């Protein structure tokens, strides 16, 4: 699984629109960060608690990691999550 409980994420696909419960990154709701709260074994299995106070579920393709630190390495494209973590990028 790409994501785990506790990861900070942003909604980027736009597959579910742009609303307070689906805050599209860079859309009407700006740059809203969410935290993965649960992962289950079915479609739309990644549950995210948004900083807007809303909770929703997504597929992995709908989300990207959110980096707290700025770096020359683009952790959103990093295929090796462990490498990003050990470098302190995410």
PDB file of N, CA and C in Angstrom:
ATOM      1  N   UNK A   1       0.849  -1.186   0.000  1.00  0.00           N
ATOM      2  CA  UNK A   1       0.000   0.000   0.000  1.00  0.00           C
ATOM      3  C   UNK A   1       0.884   1.236   0.000  1.00  0.00           C
ATOM      4  N   UNK A   2       0.561   2.178  -0.814  1.00  0.00           N
ATOM      5  CA  UNK A   2       1.329   3.408  -0.958  1.00  0.00           C
ATOM      6  C   UNK A   2       1.241   4.283   0.293  1.00  0.00           C
ATOM      7  N   UNK A   3       0.043   4.412   0.842  1.00  0.00           N
ATOM      8  CA  UNK A   3      -0.172   5.274   1.998  1.00  0.00           C
ATOM      9  C   UNK A   3      -0.345   4.457   3.264  1.00  0.00           C
ATOM     10  N   UNK A   4      -0.132   5.107   4.404  1.00  0.00           N
ATOM     11  CA  UNK A   4      -0.372   4.464   5.682  1.00  0.00           C
ATOM     12  C   UNK A   4      -1.068   5.463   6.606  1.00  0.00           C
ATOM     13  N   UNK A   5      -1.687   4.948   7.657  1.00  0.00           N
ATOM     14  CA  UNK A   5      -2.376   5.805   8.620  1.00  0.00           C
ATOM     15  C   UNK A   5      -1.383   6.802   9.203  1.00  0.00           C
ATOM     16  N   UNK A   6      -1.782   8.068   9.240  1.00  0.00           N
ATOM     17  CA  UNK A   6      -0.927   9.130   9.760  1.00  0.00           C
ATOM     18  C   UNK A   6      -0.254   9.957   8.684  1.00  0.00           C
ATOM     19  N   UNK A   7      -0.197   9.472   7.443  1.00  0.00           N
ATOM     20  CA  UNK A   7       0.411  10.229   6.351  1.00  0.00           C
ATOM     21  C   UNK A   7      -0.388  11.495   6.075  1.00  0.00           C
ATOM     22  N   UNK A   8       0.319  12.560   5.742  1.00  0.00           N
ATOM     23  CA  UNK A   8      -0.326  13.798   5.306  1.00  0.00           C
ATOM     24  C   UNK A   8      -0.436  13.752   3.792  1.00  0.00           C
ATOM     25  N   UNK A   9      -1.619  14.094   3.278  1.00  0.00           N
ATOM     26  CA  UNK A   9      -1.881  13.977   1.847  1.00  0.00           C
ATOM     27  C   UNK A   9      -2.617  15.205   1.325  1.00  0.00           C
ATOM     28  N   UNK A  10      -2.641  15.288   0.000  1.00  0.00           N
ATOM     29  CA  UNK A  10      -3.452  16.292  -0.688  1.00  0.00           C
ATOM     30  C   UNK A  10      -4.237  15.587  -1.778  1.00  0.00           C
ATOM     31  N   UNK A  11      -5.439  16.084  -2.051  1.00  0.00           N
ATOM     32  CA  UNK A  11      -6.323  15.513  -3.071  1.00  0.00           C
ATOM     33  C   UNK A  11      -6.013  16.202  -4.392  1.00  0.00           C
ATOM     34  N   UNK A  12      -5.606  15.432  -5.398  1.00  0.00           N
ATOM     35  CA  UNK A  12      -5.113  16.029  -6.637  1.00  0.00           C
ATOM     36  C   UNK A  12      -5.826  15.575  -7.908  1.00  0.00           C
ATOM     37  N   UNK A  13      -6.568  14.486  -7.865  1.00  0.00           N
ATOM     38  CA  UNK A  13      -7.122  13.935  -9.110  1.00  0.00           C
ATOM     39  C   UNK A  13      -8.283  14.746  -9.669  1.00  0.00           C
ATOM     40  N   UNK A  14      -9.084  15.344  -8.799  1.00  0.00           N
ATOM     41  CA  UNK A  14     -10.274  16.064  -9.257  1.00  0.00           C
ATOM     42  C   UNK A  14     -11.409  15.137  -9.648  1.00  0.00           C
ATOM     43  N   UNK A  15     -11.234  13.826  -9.477  1.00  0.00           N
ATOM     44  CA  UNK A  15     -12.252  12.847  -9.858  1.00  0.00           C
ATOM     45  C   UNK A  15     -13.572  13.029  -9.122  1.00  0.00           C
ATOM     46  N   UNK A  16     -13.534  13.622  -7.945  1.00  0.00           N
ATOM     47  CA  UNK A  16     -14.725  13.750  -7.112  1.00  0.00           C
ATOM     48  C   UNK A  16     -15.150  15.204  -6.945  1.00  0.00           C
ATOM     49  N   UNK A  17     -14.682  16.065  -7.831  1.00  0.00           N
ATOM     50  CA  UNK A  17     -15.058  17.479  -7.757  1.00  0.00           C
ATOM     51  C   UNK A  17     -14.166  18.258  -6.808  1.00  0.00           C
ATOM     52  N   UNK A  18     -14.616  19.466  -6.468  1.00  0.00           N
ATOM     53  CA  UNK A  18     -13.883  20.370  -5.588  1.00  0.00           C
ATOM     54  C   UNK A  18     -14.894  20.962  -4.611  1.00  0.00           C
ATOM     55  N   UNK A  19     -14.852  20.497  -3.370  1.00  0.00           N
ATOM     56  CA  UNK A  19     -15.802  20.933  -2.349  1.00  0.00           C
ATOM     57  C   UNK A  19     -15.126  20.843  -0.984  1.00  0.00           C
ATOM     58  N   UNK A  20     -15.806  21.265   0.069  1.00  0.00           N
ATOM     59  CA  UNK A  20     -15.197  21.211   1.401  1.00  0.00           C
ATOM     60  C   UNK A  20     -14.854  19.780   1.809  1.00  0.00           C
ATOM     61  N   UNK A  21     -15.631  18.803   1.335  1.00  0.00           N
ATOM     62  CA  UNK A  21     -15.315  17.412   1.663  1.00  0.00           C
ATOM     63  C   UNK A  21     -14.411  16.765   0.611  1.00  0.00           C
ATOM     64  N   UNK A  22     -14.079  17.477  -0.461  1.00  0.00           N
ATOM     65  CA  UNK A  22     -13.135  17.062  -1.507  1.00  0.00           C
ATOM     66  C   UNK A  22     -12.308  18.284  -1.917  1.00  0.00           C
ATOM     67  N   UNK A  23     -11.478  18.796  -1.028  1.00  0.00           N
ATOM     68  CA  UNK A  23     -10.756  20.038  -1.328  1.00  0.00           C
ATOM     69  C   UNK A  23      -9.612  19.827  -2.323  1.00  0.00           C
ATOM     70  N   UNK A  24      -9.898  20.085  -3.586  1.00  0.00           N
ATOM     71  CA  UNK A  24      -8.912  19.911  -4.652  1.00  0.00           C
ATOM     72  C   UNK A  24      -7.730  20.851  -4.441  1.00  0.00           C
ATOM     73  N   UNK A  25      -6.526  20.280  -4.426  1.00  0.00           N
ATOM     74  CA  UNK A  25      -5.304  21.062  -4.219  1.00  0.00           C
ATOM     75  C   UNK A  25      -5.167  22.088  -5.339  1.00  0.00           C
ATOM     76  N   UNK A  26      -5.073  23.351  -4.981  1.00  0.00           N
ATOM     77  CA  UNK A  26      -4.932  24.409  -5.967  1.00  0.00           C
ATOM     78  C   UNK A  26      -6.260  24.830  -6.591  1.00  0.00           C
ATOM     79  N   UNK A  27      -7.345  24.219  -6.187  1.00  0.00           N
ATOM     80  CA  UNK A  27      -8.674  24.571  -6.711  1.00  0.00           C
ATOM     81  C   UNK A  27      -9.311  25.667  -5.875  1.00  0.00           C
ATOM     82  N   UNK A  28     -10.622  25.693  -5.853  1.00  0.00           N
ATOM     83  CA  UNK A  28     -11.386  26.699  -5.110  1.00  0.00           C
ATOM     84  C   UNK A  28     -10.997  26.722  -3.631  1.00  0.00           C
ATOM     85  N   UNK A  29     -10.687  25.554  -3.085  1.00  0.00           N
ATOM     86  CA  UNK A  29     -10.380  25.466  -1.659  1.00  0.00           C
ATOM     87  C   UNK A  29      -8.897  25.596  -1.350  1.00  0.00           C
ATOM     88  N   UNK A  30      -8.106  25.980  -2.343  1.00  0.00           N
ATOM     89  CA  UNK A  30      -6.701  26.309  -2.121  1.00  0.00           C
ATOM     90  C   UNK A  30      -5.809  25.125  -1.879  1.00  0.00           C
ATOM     91  N   UNK A  31      -5.116  25.164  -0.761  1.00  0.00           N
ATOM     92  CA  UNK A  31      -4.122  24.134  -0.450  1.00  0.00           C
ATOM     93  C   UNK A  31      -4.465  23.503   0.897  1.00  0.00           C
ATOM     94  N   UNK A  32      -5.430  22.599   0.866  1.00  0.00           N
ATOM     95  CA  UNK A  32      -5.915  21.928   2.063  1.00  0.00           C
ATOM     96  C   UNK A  32      -5.197  20.592   2.223  1.00  0.00           C
ATOM     97  N   UNK A  33      -4.691  20.355   3.423  1.00  0.00           N
ATOM     98  CA  UNK A  33      -3.965  19.127   3.737  1.00  0.00           C
ATOM     99  C   UNK A  33      -4.859  18.229   4.586  1.00  0.00           C
ATOM    100  N   UNK A  34      -4.771  16.935   4.341  1.00  0.00           N
ATOM    101  CA  UNK A  34      -5.526  15.967   5.126  1.00  0.00           C
ATOM    102  C   UNK A  34      -4.609  14.925   5.731  1.00  0.00           C
ATOM    103  N   UNK A  35      -5.156  14.185   6.686  1.00  0.00           N
ATOM    104  CA  UNK A  35      -4.399  13.124   7.348  1.00  0.00           C
ATOM    105  C   UNK A  35      -5.129  11.803   7.140  1.00  0.00           C
ATOM    106  N   UNK A  36      -4.390  10.781   6.703  1.00  0.00           N
ATOM    107  CA  UNK A  36      -4.976   9.457   6.517  1.00  0.00           C
ATOM    108  C   UNK A  36      -5.317   8.889   7.893  1.00  0.00           C
ATOM    109  N   UNK A  37      -6.599   8.533   8.082  1.00  0.00           N
ATOM    110  CA  UNK A  37      -7.054   8.037   9.382  1.00  0.00           C
ATOM    111  C   UNK A  37      -7.374   6.547   9.386  1.00  0.00           C
ATOM    112  N   UNK A  38      -7.627   5.974   8.207  1.00  0.00           N
ATOM    113  CA  UNK A  38      -7.988   4.553   8.130  1.00  0.00           C
ATOM    114  C   UNK A  38      -7.755   4.061   6.712  1.00  0.00           C
ATOM    115  N   UNK A  39      -7.397   2.797   6.585  1.00  0.00           N
ATOM    116  CA  UNK A  39      -7.232   2.167   5.273  1.00  0.00           C
ATOM    117  C   UNK A  39      -7.932   0.820   5.324  1.00  0.00           C
ATOM    118  N   UNK A  40      -8.802   0.579   4.349  1.00  0.00           N
ATOM    119  CA  UNK A  40      -9.567  -0.671   4.307  1.00  0.00           C
ATOM    120  C   UNK A  40      -9.295  -1.395   2.992  1.00  0.00           C
ATOM    121  N   UNK A  41      -9.833  -2.584   2.846  1.00  0.00           N
ATOM    122  CA  UNK A  41      -9.553  -3.428   1.681  1.00  0.00           C
ATOM    123  C   UNK A  41     -10.640  -3.394   0.632  1.00  0.00           C
ATOM    124  N   UNK A  42     -11.039  -2.232   0.163  1.00  0.00           N
ATOM    125  CA  UNK A  42     -12.023  -2.124  -0.909  1.00  0.00           C
ATOM    126  C   UNK A  42     -11.851  -0.795  -1.617  1.00  0.00           C
ATOM    127  N   UNK A  43     -12.614  -0.590  -2.680  1.00  0.00           N
ATOM    128  CA  UNK A  43     -12.542   0.652  -3.447  1.00  0.00           C
ATOM    129  C   UNK A  43     -12.827   1.848  -2.539  1.00  0.00           C
ATOM    130  N   UNK A  44     -12.169   2.949  -2.807  1.00  0.00           N
ATOM    131  CA  UNK A  44     -12.266   4.152  -1.973  1.00  0.00           C
ATOM    132  C   UNK A  44     -11.920   3.815  -0.527  1.00  0.00           C
ATOM    133  N   UNK A  45     -10.801   3.151  -0.366  1.00  0.00           N
ATOM    134  CA  UNK A  45     -10.445   2.577   0.929  1.00  0.00           C
ATOM    135  C   UNK A  45      -9.572   3.455   1.817  1.00  0.00           C
ATOM    136  N   UNK A  46      -9.118   4.605   1.321  1.00  0.00           N
ATOM    137  CA  UNK A  46      -8.235   5.467   2.107  1.00  0.00           C
ATOM    138  C   UNK A  46      -9.068   6.612   2.673  1.00  0.00           C
ATOM    139  N   UNK A  47      -9.239   6.620   3.988  1.00  0.00           N
ATOM    140  CA  UNK A  47     -10.046   7.642   4.644  1.00  0.00           C
ATOM    141  C   UNK A  47      -9.153   8.803   5.071  1.00  0.00           C
ATOM    142  N   UNK A  48      -9.597  10.016   4.728  1.00  0.00           N
ATOM    143  CA  UNK A  48      -8.806  11.221   4.992  1.00  0.00           C
ATOM    144  C   UNK A  48      -9.631  12.201   5.809  1.00  0.00           C
ATOM    145  N   UNK A  49      -9.025  12.714   6.871  1.00  0.00           N
ATOM    146  CA  UNK A  49      -9.624  13.758   7.701  1.00  0.00           C
ATOM    147  C   UNK A  49      -8.995  15.081   7.241  1.00  0.00           C
ATOM    148  N   UNK A  50      -9.793  15.921   6.583  1.00  0.00           N
ATOM    149  CA  UNK A  50      -9.298  17.181   6.027  1.00  0.00           C
ATOM    150  C   UNK A  50      -9.238  18.264   7.093  1.00  0.00           C
ATOM    151  N   UNK A  51      -8.363  19.234   6.908  1.00  0.00           N
ATOM    152  CA  UNK A  51      -8.255  20.345   7.855  1.00  0.00           C
ATOM    153  C   UNK A  51      -9.502  21.233   7.808  1.00  0.00           C
ATOM    154  N   UNK A  52     -10.426  20.963   6.886  1.00  0.00           N
ATOM    155  CA  UNK A  52     -11.716  21.670   6.839  1.00  0.00           C
ATOM    156  C   UNK A  52     -12.697  21.068   7.835  1.00  0.00           C
ATOM    157  N   UNK A  53     -12.310  19.962   8.486  1.00  0.00           N
ATOM    158  CA  UNK A  53     -13.182  19.285   9.428  1.00  0.00           C
ATOM    159  C   UNK A  53     -14.031  18.201   8.793  1.00  0.00           C
ATOM    160  N   UNK A  54     -13.860  17.965   7.504  1.00  0.00           N
ATOM    161  CA  UNK A  54     -14.617  16.941   6.781  1.00  0.00           C
ATOM    162  C   UNK A  54     -13.781  15.678   6.638  1.00  0.00           C
ATOM    163  N   UNK A  55     -14.463  14.537   6.514  1.00  0.00           N
ATOM    164  CA  UNK A  55     -13.803  13.251   6.291  1.00  0.00           C
ATOM    165  C   UNK A  55     -14.379  12.641   5.022  1.00  0.00           C
ATOM    166  N   UNK A  56     -13.512  12.042   4.204  1.00  0.00           N
ATOM    167  CA  UNK A  56     -13.960  11.384   2.987  1.00  0.00           C
ATOM    168  C   UNK A  56     -13.013  10.240   2.677  1.00  0.00           C
ATOM    169  N   UNK A  57     -13.405   9.393   1.723  1.00  0.00           N
ATOM    170  CA  UNK A  57     -12.556   8.255   1.348  1.00  0.00           C
ATOM    171  C   UNK A  57     -12.190   8.333  -0.127  1.00  0.00           C
ATOM    172  N   UNK A  58     -11.010   7.784  -0.457  1.00  0.00           N
ATOM    173  CA  UNK A  58     -10.441   7.928  -1.794  1.00  0.00           C
ATOM    174  C   UNK A  58      -9.710   6.666  -2.210  1.00  0.00           C
ATOM    175  N   UNK A  59      -9.442   6.573  -3.518  1.00  0.00           N
ATOM    176  CA  UNK A  59      -8.503   5.598  -4.063  1.00  0.00           C
ATOM    177  C   UNK A  59      -7.106   6.217  -3.992  1.00  0.00           C
ATOM    178  N   UNK A  60      -6.089   5.396  -4.033  1.00  0.00           N
ATOM    179  CA  UNK A  60      -4.710   5.893  -3.972  1.00  0.00           C
ATOM    180  C   UNK A  60      -4.392   6.859  -5.110  1.00  0.00           C
ATOM    181  N   UNK A  61      -4.995   6.668  -6.285  1.00  0.00           N
ATOM    182  CA  UNK A  61      -4.705   7.543  -7.427  1.00  0.00           C
ATOM    183  C   UNK A  61      -5.228   8.957  -7.225  1.00  0.00           C
ATOM    184  N   UNK A  62      -6.127   9.161  -6.274  1.00  0.00           N
ATOM    185  CA  UNK A  62      -6.700  10.481  -6.015  1.00  0.00           C
ATOM    186  C   UNK A  62      -5.808  11.354  -5.148  1.00  0.00           C
ATOM    187  N   UNK A  63      -4.826  10.758  -4.490  1.00  0.00           N
ATOM    188  CA  UNK A  63      -4.039  11.454  -3.473  1.00  0.00           C
ATOM    189  C   UNK A  63      -2.553  11.467  -3.794  1.00  0.00           C
ATOM    190  N   UNK A  64      -1.868  12.456  -3.232  1.00  0.00           N
ATOM    191  CA  UNK A  64      -0.406  12.523  -3.269  1.00  0.00           C
ATOM    192  C   UNK A  64       0.070  12.871  -1.868  1.00  0.00           C
ATOM    193  N   UNK A  65       1.303  12.493  -1.561  1.00  0.00           N
ATOM    194  CA  UNK A  65       1.888  12.864  -0.282  1.00  0.00           C
ATOM    195  C   UNK A  65       2.049  14.368  -0.208  1.00  0.00           C
ATOM    196  N   UNK A  66       1.883  14.909   0.980  1.00  0.00           N
ATOM    197  CA  UNK A  66       2.143  16.320   1.238  1.00  0.00           C
ATOM    198  C   UNK A  66       3.472  16.414   1.969  1.00  0.00           C
ATOM    199  N   UNK A  67       4.373  17.251   1.482  1.00  0.00           N
ATOM    200  CA  UNK A  67       5.682  17.443   2.118  1.00  0.00           C
ATOM    201  C   UNK A  67       5.648  18.674   3.001  1.00  0.00           C
ATOM    202  N   UNK A  68       6.144  18.532   4.200  1.00  0.00           N
ATOM    203  CA  UNK A  68       6.226  19.674   5.111  1.00  0.00           C
ATOM    204  C   UNK A  68       7.421  20.554   4.764  1.00  0.00           C
ATOM    205  N   UNK A  69       8.493  19.919   4.326  1.00  0.00           N
ATOM    206  CA  UNK A  69       9.736  20.648   4.059  1.00  0.00           C
ATOM    207  C   UNK A  69       9.900  20.896   2.572  1.00  0.00           C
ATOM    208  N   UNK A  70      10.516  22.002   2.234  1.00  0.00           N
ATOM    209  CA  UNK A  70      10.850  22.263   0.839  1.00  0.00           C
ATOM    210  C   UNK A  70      12.202  21.623   0.558  1.00  0.00           C
ATOM    211  N   UNK A  71      12.315  21.044  -0.603  1.00  0.00           N
ATOM    212  CA  UNK A  71      13.547  20.352  -0.964  1.00  0.00           C
ATOM    213  C   UNK A  71      13.704  20.363  -2.471  1.00  0.00           C
ATOM    214  N   UNK A  72      14.936  20.184  -2.932  1.00  0.00           N
ATOM    215  CA  UNK A  72      15.172  20.075  -4.366  1.00  0.00           C
ATOM    216  C   UNK A  72      14.634  18.752  -4.894  1.00  0.00           C
ATOM    217  N   UNK A  73      14.532  17.759  -4.019  1.00  0.00           N
ATOM    218  CA  UNK A  73      13.982  16.468  -4.411  1.00  0.00           C
ATOM    219  C   UNK A  73      12.462  16.581  -4.368  1.00  0.00           C
ATOM    220  N   UNK A  74      11.820  16.197  -5.448  1.00  0.00           N
ATOM    221  CA  UNK A  74      10.364  16.277  -5.509  1.00  0.00           C
ATOM    222  C   UNK A  74       9.771  14.997  -4.927  1.00  0.00           C
ATOM    223  N   UNK A  75       9.390  15.028  -3.651  1.00  0.00           N
ATOM    224  CA  UNK A  75       8.924  13.802  -3.003  1.00  0.00           C
ATOM    225  C   UNK A  75       7.565  13.370  -3.523  1.00  0.00           C
ATOM    226  N   UNK A  76       6.827  14.248  -4.181  1.00  0.00           N
ATOM    227  CA  UNK A  76       5.531  13.855  -4.728  1.00  0.00           C
ATOM    228  C   UNK A  76       5.722  12.876  -5.877  1.00  0.00           C
ATOM    229  N   UNK A  77       6.853  12.908  -6.523  1.00  0.00           N
ATOM    230  CA  UNK A  77       7.141  11.997  -7.628  1.00  0.00           C
ATOM    231  C   UNK A  77       8.034  10.848  -7.182  1.00  0.00           C
ATOM    232  N   UNK A  78       8.451  10.872  -5.922  1.00  0.00           N
ATOM    233  CA  UNK A  78       9.376   9.863  -5.420  1.00  0.00           C
ATOM    234  C   UNK A  78       8.709   8.504  -5.390  1.00  0.00           C
ATOM    235  N   UNK A  79       9.267   7.541  -6.097  1.00  0.00           N
ATOM    236  CA  UNK A  79       8.707   6.198  -6.118  1.00  0.00           C
ATOM    237  C   UNK A  79       9.188   5.394  -4.926  1.00  0.00           C
ATOM    238  N   UNK A  80      10.271   5.828  -4.302  1.00  0.00           N
ATOM    239  CA  UNK A  80      10.807   5.120  -3.154  1.00  0.00           C
ATOM    240  C   UNK A  80      10.474   5.922  -1.900  1.00  0.00           C
ATOM    241  N   UNK A  81       9.317   5.618  -1.295  1.00  0.00           N
ATOM    242  CA  UNK A  81       8.846   6.360  -0.135  1.00  0.00           C
ATOM    243  C   UNK A  81       9.861   6.323   1.012  1.00  0.00           C
ATOM    244  N   UNK A  82      10.525   5.191   1.199  1.00  0.00           N
ATOM    245  CA  UNK A  82      11.502   5.057   2.265  1.00  0.00           C
ATOM    246  C   UNK A  82      12.650   6.045   2.061  1.00  0.00           C
ATOM    247  N   UNK A  83      13.084   6.208   0.810  1.00  0.00           N
ATOM    248  CA  UNK A  83      14.158   7.159   0.526  1.00  0.00           C
ATOM    249  C   UNK A  83      13.731   8.570   0.895  1.00  0.00           C
ATOM    250  N   UNK A  84      12.495   8.946   0.563  1.00  0.00           N
ATOM    251  CA  UNK A  84      11.997  10.269   0.909  1.00  0.00           C
ATOM    252  C   UNK A  84      11.941  10.462   2.426  1.00  0.00           C
ATOM    253  N   UNK A  85      11.489   9.428   3.134  1.00  0.00           N
ATOM    254  CA  UNK A  85      11.391   9.507   4.586  1.00  0.00           C
ATOM    255  C   UNK A  85      12.765   9.646   5.226  1.00  0.00           C
ATOM    256  N   UNK A  86      13.732   8.863   4.772  1.00  0.00           N
ATOM    257  CA  UNK A  86      15.058   8.896   5.387  1.00  0.00           C
ATOM    258  C   UNK A  86      15.802  10.186   5.075  1.00  0.00           C
ATOM    259  N   UNK A  87      15.451  10.833   3.999  1.00  0.00           N
ATOM    260  CA  UNK A  87      16.060  12.122   3.681  1.00  0.00           C
ATOM    261  C   UNK A  87      15.342  13.269   4.370  1.00  0.00           C
ATOM    262  N   UNK A  88      14.278  12.967   5.118  1.00  0.00           N
ATOM    263  CA  UNK A  88      13.554  14.001   5.851  1.00  0.00           C
ATOM    264  C   UNK A  88      12.670  14.856   4.976  1.00  0.00           C
ATOM    265  N   UNK A  89      12.310  14.348   3.805  1.00  0.00           N
ATOM    266  CA  UNK A  89      11.503  15.130   2.871  1.00  0.00           C
ATOM    267  C   UNK A  89      10.028  15.045   3.231  1.00  0.00           C
ATOM    268  N   UNK A  90       9.599  13.874   3.671  1.00  0.00           N
ATOM    269  CA  UNK A  90       8.191  13.742   4.078  1.00  0.00           C
ATOM    270  C   UNK A  90       8.135  13.180   5.484  1.00  0.00           C
TER     271      UNK A  90
END
